[in-house]
Amino acid sequence: MNRYTLKQNHTGQYHLFEAHFNNYGQCVPESKSICKKMEDTSNSEFEEFKCEDEATTFLKCAELQKEVCGNCMQELYGDDE
């Protein structure tokens, strides 16, 4: 099951990161957002949520509307063609 963490960058825009639980049950995000435009360089970025499933990720991102990176949302539900 895919998991996602949503982080806010210094401009206030949110980006999605693929994530997983490690052996200790901690949520570990990938180093770059799924759109590749934001790097997880430190803990200074605000996390809106951690390690949510795809359905919950979609609902929570919909609540934030345009504050979520459109490229991340396209990557989440993009067409591979």
PDB file of N, CA and C in Angstrom:
ATOM      1  N   MET A   1       0.840  -1.177   0.000  1.00  0.00           N
ATOM      2  CA  MET A   1       0.000   0.000   0.000  1.00  0.00           C
ATOM      3  C   MET A   1       0.890   1.247   0.000  1.00  0.00           C
ATOM      4  N   ASN A   2       0.590   2.168  -0.898  1.00  0.00           N
ATOM      5  CA  ASN A   2       1.340   3.418  -0.954  1.00  0.00           C
ATOM      6  C   ASN A   2       0.953   4.321   0.215  1.00  0.00           C
ATOM      7  N   ARG A   3       1.954   4.985   0.748  1.00  0.00           N
ATOM      8  CA  ARG A   3       1.764   5.936   1.850  1.00  0.00           C
ATOM      9  C   ARG A   3       2.348   7.277   1.425  1.00  0.00           C
ATOM     10  N   TYR A   4       1.780   8.356   1.971  1.00  0.00           N
ATOM     11  CA  TYR A   4       2.219   9.696   1.599  1.00  0.00           C
ATOM     12  C   TYR A   4       2.300  10.606   2.819  1.00  0.00           C
ATOM     13  N   THR A   5       3.267  11.519   2.752  1.00  0.00           N
ATOM     14  CA  THR A   5       3.424  12.573   3.750  1.00  0.00           C
ATOM     15  C   THR A   5       3.313  13.895   3.004  1.00  0.00           C
ATOM     16  N   LEU A   6       2.594  14.860   3.594  1.00  0.00           N
ATOM     17  CA  LEU A   6       2.424  16.164   2.974  1.00  0.00           C
ATOM     18  C   LEU A   6       3.198  17.193   3.785  1.00  0.00           C
ATOM     19  N   LYS A   7       4.115  17.887   3.105  1.00  0.00           N
ATOM     20  CA  LYS A   7       4.966  18.878   3.765  1.00  0.00           C
ATOM     21  C   LYS A   7       4.772  20.242   3.115  1.00  0.00           C
ATOM     22  N   GLN A   8       4.877  21.263   3.955  1.00  0.00           N
ATOM     23  CA  GLN A   8       4.769  22.634   3.473  1.00  0.00           C
ATOM     24  C   GLN A   8       6.165  23.227   3.328  1.00  0.00           C
ATOM     25  N   ASN A   9       6.427  23.879   2.189  1.00  0.00           N
ATOM     26  CA  ASN A   9       7.737  24.488   1.995  1.00  0.00           C
ATOM     27  C   ASN A   9       7.748  25.930   2.507  1.00  0.00           C
ATOM     28  N   HIS A  10       8.853  26.619   2.325  1.00  0.00           N
ATOM     29  CA  HIS A  10       9.007  27.969   2.861  1.00  0.00           C
ATOM     30  C   HIS A  10       8.084  28.993   2.204  1.00  0.00           C
ATOM     31  N   THR A  11       7.517  28.678   1.033  1.00  0.00           N
ATOM     32  CA  THR A  11       6.583  29.599   0.378  1.00  0.00           C
ATOM     33  C   THR A  11       5.139  29.353   0.796  1.00  0.00           C
ATOM     34  N   GLY A  12       4.909  28.292   1.559  1.00  0.00           N
ATOM     35  CA  GLY A  12       3.558  27.962   1.999  1.00  0.00           C
ATOM     36  C   GLY A  12       2.865  26.910   1.152  1.00  0.00           C
ATOM     37  N   GLN A  13       3.505  26.486   0.061  1.00  0.00           N
ATOM     38  CA  GLN A  13       2.921  25.460  -0.794  1.00  0.00           C
ATOM     39  C   GLN A  13       3.214  24.076  -0.217  1.00  0.00           C
ATOM     40  N   TYR A  14       2.243  23.177  -0.366  1.00  0.00           N
ATOM     41  CA  TYR A  14       2.390  21.807   0.113  1.00  0.00           C
ATOM     42  C   TYR A  14       2.843  20.889  -1.015  1.00  0.00           C
ATOM     43  N   HIS A  15       3.702  19.922  -0.661  1.00  0.00           N
ATOM     44  CA  HIS A  15       4.180  18.912  -1.612  1.00  0.00           C
ATOM     45  C   HIS A  15       4.032  17.528  -0.990  1.00  0.00           C
ATOM     46  N   LEU A  16       3.726  16.548  -1.848  1.00  0.00           N
ATOM     47  CA  LEU A  16       3.566  15.155  -1.415  1.00  0.00           C
ATOM     48  C   LEU A  16       4.873  14.384  -1.538  1.00  0.00           C
ATOM     49  N   PHE A  17       5.153  13.601  -0.522  1.00  0.00           N
ATOM     50  CA  PHE A  17       6.316  12.710  -0.509  1.00  0.00           C
ATOM     51  C   PHE A  17       5.820  11.284  -0.312  1.00  0.00           C
ATOM     52  N   GLU A  18       6.325  10.352  -1.129  1.00  0.00           N
ATOM     53  CA  GLU A  18       6.046   8.945  -0.843  1.00  0.00           C
ATOM     54  C   GLU A  18       6.729   8.625   0.475  1.00  0.00           C
ATOM     55  N   ALA A  19       6.125   7.744   1.264  1.00  0.00           N
ATOM     56  CA  ALA A  19       6.660   7.435   2.587  1.00  0.00           C
ATOM     57  C   ALA A  19       6.395   5.976   2.927  1.00  0.00           C
ATOM     58  N   HIS A  20       7.070   5.514   3.965  1.00  0.00           N
ATOM     59  CA  HIS A  20       6.863   4.146   4.454  1.00  0.00           C
ATOM     60  C   HIS A  20       7.163   4.113   5.952  1.00  0.00           C
ATOM     61  N   PHE A  21       6.715   3.049   6.584  1.00  0.00           N
ATOM     62  CA  PHE A  21       7.023   2.834   7.997  1.00  0.00           C
ATOM     63  C   PHE A  21       8.292   1.996   8.088  1.00  0.00           C
ATOM     64  N   ASN A  22       9.224   2.421   8.946  1.00  0.00           N
ATOM     65  CA  ASN A  22      10.436   1.615   9.142  1.00  0.00           C
ATOM     66  C   ASN A  22      10.156   0.507  10.160  1.00  0.00           C
ATOM     67  N   ASN A  23      11.160  -0.258  10.509  1.00  0.00           N
ATOM     68  CA  ASN A  23      11.002  -1.386  11.440  1.00  0.00           C
ATOM     69  C   ASN A  23      10.576  -0.958  12.835  1.00  0.00           C
ATOM     70  N   TYR A  24      10.738   0.324  13.154  1.00  0.00           N
ATOM     71  CA  TYR A  24      10.376   0.841  14.474  1.00  0.00           C
ATOM     72  C   TYR A  24       9.017   1.529  14.461  1.00  0.00           C
ATOM     73  N   GLY A  25       8.313   1.446  13.331  1.00  0.00           N
ATOM     74  CA  GLY A  25       6.990   2.051  13.225  1.00  0.00           C
ATOM     75  C   GLY A  25       7.007   3.551  12.980  1.00  0.00           C
ATOM     76  N   GLN A  26       8.175   4.089  12.626  1.00  0.00           N
ATOM     77  CA  GLN A  26       8.283   5.515  12.352  1.00  0.00           C
ATOM     78  C   GLN A  26       8.044   5.768  10.871  1.00  0.00           C
ATOM     79  N   CYS A  27       7.399   6.881  10.571  1.00  0.00           N
ATOM     80  CA  CYS A  27       7.148   7.263   9.191  1.00  0.00           C
ATOM     81  C   CYS A  27       8.402   7.896   8.603  1.00  0.00           C
ATOM     82  N   VAL A  28       8.841   7.369   7.457  1.00  0.00           N
ATOM     83  CA  VAL A  28      10.052   7.861   6.794  1.00  0.00           C
ATOM     84  C   VAL A  28       9.685   8.298   5.374  1.00  0.00           C
ATOM     85  N   PRO A  29       9.720   9.617   5.095  1.00  0.00           N
ATOM     86  CA  PRO A  29       9.424  10.079   3.735  1.00  0.00           C
ATOM     87  C   PRO A  29      10.635   9.936   2.815  1.00  0.00           C
ATOM     88  N   GLU A  30      10.370   9.877   1.518  1.00  0.00           N
ATOM     89  CA  GLU A  30      11.444   9.897   0.527  1.00  0.00           C
ATOM     90  C   GLU A  30      12.133  11.260   0.598  1.00  0.00           C
ATOM     91  N   SER A  31      13.312  11.376  -0.005  1.00  0.00           N
ATOM     92  CA  SER A  31      14.077  12.615   0.091  1.00  0.00           C
ATOM     93  C   SER A  31      13.560  13.712  -0.836  1.00  0.00           C
ATOM     94  N   LYS A  32      12.829  13.351  -1.888  1.00  0.00           N
ATOM     95  CA  LYS A  32      12.252  14.349  -2.798  1.00  0.00           C
ATOM     96  C   LYS A  32      10.755  14.118  -2.932  1.00  0.00           C
ATOM     97  N   SER A  33      10.030  15.223  -3.138  1.00  0.00           N
ATOM     98  CA  SER A  33       8.588  15.118  -3.350  1.00  0.00           C
ATOM     99  C   SER A  33       8.314  14.356  -4.648  1.00  0.00           C
ATOM    100  N   ILE A  34       7.086  13.905  -4.813  1.00  0.00           N
ATOM    101  CA  ILE A  34       6.767  13.106  -5.992  1.00  0.00           C
ATOM    102  C   ILE A  34       6.842  13.931  -7.277  1.00  0.00           C
ATOM    103  N   CYS A  35       6.777  15.261  -7.173  1.00  0.00           N
ATOM    104  CA  CYS A  35       6.948  16.120  -8.352  1.00  0.00           C
ATOM    105  C   CYS A  35       8.409  16.484  -8.575  1.00  0.00           C
ATOM    106  N   LYS A  36       9.266  16.093  -7.639  1.00  0.00           N
ATOM    107  CA  LYS A  36      10.723  16.344  -7.684  1.00  0.00           C
ATOM    108  C   LYS A  36      11.099  17.817  -7.499  1.00  0.00           C
ATOM    109  N   LYS A  37      10.158  18.666  -7.040  1.00  0.00           N
ATOM    110  CA  LYS A  37      10.436  20.094  -6.884  1.00  0.00           C
ATOM    111  C   LYS A  37      10.782  20.496  -5.456  1.00  0.00           C
ATOM    112  N   MET A  38      10.625  19.595  -4.513  1.00  0.00           N
ATOM    113  CA  MET A  38      10.943  19.916  -3.120  1.00  0.00           C
ATOM    114  C   MET A  38      11.774  18.801  -2.532  1.00  0.00           C
ATOM    115  N   GLU A  39      12.843  19.173  -1.853  1.00  0.00           N
ATOM    116  CA  GLU A  39      13.674  18.200  -1.158  1.00  0.00           C
ATOM    117  C   GLU A  39      13.387  18.262   0.326  1.00  0.00           C
ATOM    118  N   ASP A  40      13.446  17.109   0.963  1.00  0.00           N
ATOM    119  CA  ASP A  40      13.273  17.027   2.413  1.00  0.00           C
ATOM    120  C   ASP A  40      14.648  17.261   3.038  1.00  0.00           C
ATOM    121  N   THR A  41      15.024  18.532   3.183  1.00  0.00           N
ATOM    122  CA  THR A  41      16.373  18.875   3.628  1.00  0.00           C
ATOM    123  C   THR A  41      16.500  18.950   5.144  1.00  0.00           C
ATOM    124  N   SER A  42      15.382  19.150   5.831  1.00  0.00           N
ATOM    125  CA  SER A  42      15.452  19.260   7.292  1.00  0.00           C
ATOM    126  C   SER A  42      14.073  19.044   7.880  1.00  0.00           C
ATOM    127  N   ASN A  43      14.003  19.090   9.179  1.00  0.00           N
ATOM    128  CA  ASN A  43      12.717  18.963   9.856  1.00  0.00           C
ATOM    129  C   ASN A  43      12.016  20.302   9.986  1.00  0.00           C
ATOM    130  N   SER A  44      12.545  21.349   9.350  1.00  0.00           N
ATOM    131  CA  SER A  44      11.951  22.672   9.494  1.00  0.00           C
ATOM    132  C   SER A  44      10.655  22.809   8.705  1.00  0.00           C
ATOM    133  N   GLU A  45      10.464  21.973   7.676  1.00  0.00           N
ATOM    134  CA  GLU A  45       9.225  22.045   6.921  1.00  0.00           C
ATOM    135  C   GLU A  45       8.080  21.504   7.770  1.00  0.00           C
ATOM    136  N   PHE A  46       6.955  22.138   7.640  1.00  0.00           N
ATOM    137  CA  PHE A  46       5.769  21.738   8.382  1.00  0.00           C
ATOM    138  C   PHE A  46       5.123  20.531   7.719  1.00  0.00           C
ATOM    139  N   GLU A  47       4.834  19.517   8.500  1.00  0.00           N
ATOM    140  CA  GLU A  47       4.146  18.330   7.989  1.00  0.00           C
ATOM    141  C   GLU A  47       2.663  18.423   8.322  1.00  0.00           C
ATOM    142  N   GLU A  48       1.848  18.415   7.302  1.00  0.00           N
ATOM    143  CA  GLU A  48       0.397  18.450   7.486  1.00  0.00           C
ATOM    144  C   GLU A  48      -0.102  17.076   7.938  1.00  0.00           C
ATOM    145  N   PHE A  49       0.457  16.015   7.334  1.00  0.00           N
ATOM    146  CA  PHE A  49       0.148  14.658   7.770  1.00  0.00           C
ATOM    147  C   PHE A  49       1.298  13.744   7.382  1.00  0.00           C
ATOM    148  N   LYS A  50       1.333  12.560   8.006  1.00  0.00           N
ATOM    149  CA  LYS A  50       2.405  11.582   7.775  1.00  0.00           C
ATOM    150  C   LYS A  50       1.822  10.217   7.455  1.00  0.00           C
ATOM    151  N   CYS A  51       2.428   9.543   6.493  1.00  0.00           N
ATOM    152  CA  CYS A  51       2.147   8.135   6.167  1.00  0.00           C
ATOM    153  C   CYS A  51       0.662   7.796   6.046  1.00  0.00           C
ATOM    154  N   GLU A  52      -0.070   8.644   5.342  1.00  0.00           N
ATOM    155  CA  GLU A  52      -1.489   8.361   5.104  1.00  0.00           C
ATOM    156  C   GLU A  52      -1.635   7.501   3.854  1.00  0.00           C
ATOM    157  N   ASP A  53      -2.719   6.722   3.796  1.00  0.00           N
ATOM    158  CA  ASP A  53      -2.989   5.928   2.602  1.00  0.00           C
ATOM    159  C   ASP A  53      -3.476   6.841   1.477  1.00  0.00           C
ATOM    160  N   GLU A  54      -3.610   6.307   0.290  1.00  0.00           N
ATOM    161  CA  GLU A  54      -3.943   7.112  -0.881  1.00  0.00           C
ATOM    162  C   GLU A  54      -5.295   7.796  -0.764  1.00  0.00           C
ATOM    163  N   ALA A  55      -6.303   7.093  -0.276  1.00  0.00           N
ATOM    164  CA  ALA A  55      -7.642   7.675  -0.162  1.00  0.00           C
ATOM    165  C   ALA A  55      -7.656   8.844   0.828  1.00  0.00           C
ATOM    166  N   THR A  56      -7.030   8.663   1.974  1.00  0.00           N
ATOM    167  CA  THR A  56      -6.972   9.725   2.977  1.00  0.00           C
ATOM    168  C   THR A  56      -6.146  10.896   2.462  1.00  0.00           C
ATOM    169  N   THR A  57      -5.058  10.594   1.751  1.00  0.00           N
ATOM    170  CA  THR A  57      -4.222  11.641   1.155  1.00  0.00           C
ATOM    171  C   THR A  57      -5.054  12.497   0.210  1.00  0.00           C
ATOM    172  N   PHE A  58      -5.835  11.863  -0.645  1.00  0.00           N
ATOM    173  CA  PHE A  58      -6.657  12.597  -1.590  1.00  0.00           C
ATOM    174  C   PHE A  58      -7.639  13.518  -0.866  1.00  0.00           C
ATOM    175  N   LEU A  59      -8.320  13.006   0.145  1.00  0.00           N
ATOM    176  CA  LEU A  59      -9.312  13.808   0.877  1.00  0.00           C
ATOM    177  C   LEU A  59      -8.670  14.995   1.597  1.00  0.00           C
ATOM    178  N   LYS A  60      -7.551  14.744   2.243  1.00  0.00           N
ATOM    179  CA  LYS A  60      -6.885  15.830   2.976  1.00  0.00           C
ATOM    180  C   LYS A  60      -6.323  16.880   2.030  1.00  0.00           C
ATOM    181  N   CYS A  61      -5.814  16.463   0.886  1.00  0.00           N
ATOM    182  CA  CYS A  61      -5.310  17.417  -0.101  1.00  0.00           C
ATOM    183  C   CYS A  61      -6.468  18.228  -0.699  1.00  0.00           C
ATOM    184  N   ALA A  62      -7.613  17.584  -0.908  1.00  0.00           N
ATOM    185  CA  ALA A  62      -8.780  18.284  -1.439  1.00  0.00           C
ATOM    186  C   ALA A  62      -9.234  19.388  -0.482  1.00  0.00           C
ATOM    187  N   GLU A  63      -9.117  19.163   0.811  1.00  0.00           N
ATOM    188  CA  GLU A  63      -9.482  20.185   1.798  1.00  0.00           C
ATOM    189  C   GLU A  63      -8.580  21.411   1.688  1.00  0.00           C
ATOM    190  N   LEU A  64      -7.306  21.189   1.345  1.00  0.00           N
ATOM    191  CA  LEU A  64      -6.348  22.298   1.230  1.00  0.00           C
ATOM    192  C   LEU A  64      -6.433  22.985  -0.127  1.00  0.00           C
ATOM    193  N   GLN A  65      -7.090  22.379  -1.078  1.00  0.00           N
ATOM    194  CA  GLN A  65      -7.322  22.895  -2.432  1.00  0.00           C
ATOM    195  C   GLN A  65      -6.042  23.348  -3.114  1.00  0.00           C
ATOM    196  N   LYS A  66      -5.979  24.579  -3.549  1.00  0.00           N
ATOM    197  CA  LYS A  66      -4.875  25.063  -4.382  1.00  0.00           C
ATOM    198  C   LYS A  66      -3.570  25.230  -3.627  1.00  0.00           C
ATOM    199  N   GLU A  67      -3.574  25.039  -2.321  1.00  0.00           N
ATOM    200  CA  GLU A  67      -2.331  25.138  -1.565  1.00  0.00           C
ATOM    201  C   GLU A  67      -1.411  23.944  -1.821  1.00  0.00           C
ATOM    202  N   VAL A  68      -1.970  22.859  -2.387  1.00  0.00           N
ATOM    203  CA  VAL A  68      -1.187  21.658  -2.691  1.00  0.00           C
ATOM    204  C   VAL A  68      -0.659  21.769  -4.119  1.00  0.00           C
ATOM    205  N   CYS A  69       0.598  21.446  -4.289  1.00  0.00           N
ATOM    206  CA  CYS A  69       1.240  21.492  -5.603  1.00  0.00           C
ATOM    207  C   CYS A  69       0.427  20.699  -6.631  1.00  0.00           C
ATOM    208  N   GLY A  70       0.076  21.356  -7.721  1.00  0.00           N
ATOM    209  CA  GLY A  70      -0.685  20.707  -8.777  1.00  0.00           C
ATOM    210  C   GLY A  70       0.093  19.581  -9.435  1.00  0.00           C
ATOM    211  N   ASN A  71       1.407  19.753  -9.546  1.00  0.00           N
ATOM    212  CA  ASN A  71       2.235  18.693 -10.124  1.00  0.00           C
ATOM    213  C   ASN A  71       2.248  17.452  -9.248  1.00  0.00           C
ATOM    214  N   CYS A  72       2.264  17.636  -7.922  1.00  0.00           N
ATOM    215  CA  CYS A  72       2.201  16.483  -7.009  1.00  0.00           C
ATOM    216  C   CYS A  72       0.871  15.747  -7.166  1.00  0.00           C
ATOM    217  N   MET A  73      -0.215  16.522  -7.264  1.00  0.00           N
ATOM    218  CA  MET A  73      -1.527  15.886  -7.416  1.00  0.00           C
ATOM    219  C   MET A  73      -1.608  15.155  -8.756  1.00  0.00           C
ATOM    220  N   GLN A  74      -1.027  15.741  -9.789  1.00  0.00           N
ATOM    221  CA  GLN A  74      -1.017  15.079 -11.090  1.00  0.00           C
ATOM    222  C   GLN A  74      -0.205  13.791 -11.030  1.00  0.00           C
ATOM    223  N   GLU A  75       0.914  13.807 -10.316  1.00  0.00           N
ATOM    224  CA  GLU A  75       1.720  12.590 -10.153  1.00  0.00           C
ATOM    225  C   GLU A  75       0.949  11.528  -9.366  1.00  0.00           C
ATOM    226  N   LEU A  76       0.173  11.978  -8.372  1.00  0.00           N
ATOM    227  CA  LEU A  76      -0.596  11.046  -7.543  1.00  0.00           C
ATOM    228  C   LEU A  76      -1.652  10.329  -8.401  1.00  0.00           C
ATOM    229  N   TYR A  77      -2.339  11.072  -9.261  1.00  0.00           N
ATOM    230  CA  TYR A  77      -3.416  10.503 -10.073  1.00  0.00           C
ATOM    231  C   TYR A  77      -3.191  10.637 -11.558  1.00  0.00           C
ATOM    232  N   GLY A  78      -1.941  10.881 -11.954  1.00  0.00           N
ATOM    233  CA  GLY A  78      -1.639  11.110 -13.365  1.00  0.00           C
ATOM    234  C   GLY A  78      -1.837   9.897 -14.233  1.00  0.00           C
ATOM    235  N   ASP A  79      -2.049  10.174 -15.497  1.00  0.00           N
ATOM    236  CA  ASP A  79      -2.180   9.141 -16.509  1.00  0.00           C
ATOM    237  C   ASP A  79      -0.793   8.869 -17.072  1.00  0.00           C
ATOM    238  N   ASP A  80      -0.413   7.634 -17.156  1.00  0.00           N
ATOM    239  CA  ASP A  80       0.922   7.279 -17.635  1.00  0.00           C
ATOM    240  C   ASP A  80       1.084   7.440 -19.143  1.00  0.00           C
ATOM    241  N   GLU A  81       0.018   7.729 -19.851  1.00  0.00           N
ATOM    242  CA  GLU A  81       0.109   7.844 -21.316  1.00  0.00           C
ATOM    243  C   GLU A  81       0.597   9.197 -21.731  1.00  0.00           C
TER     244      GLU A  81
END
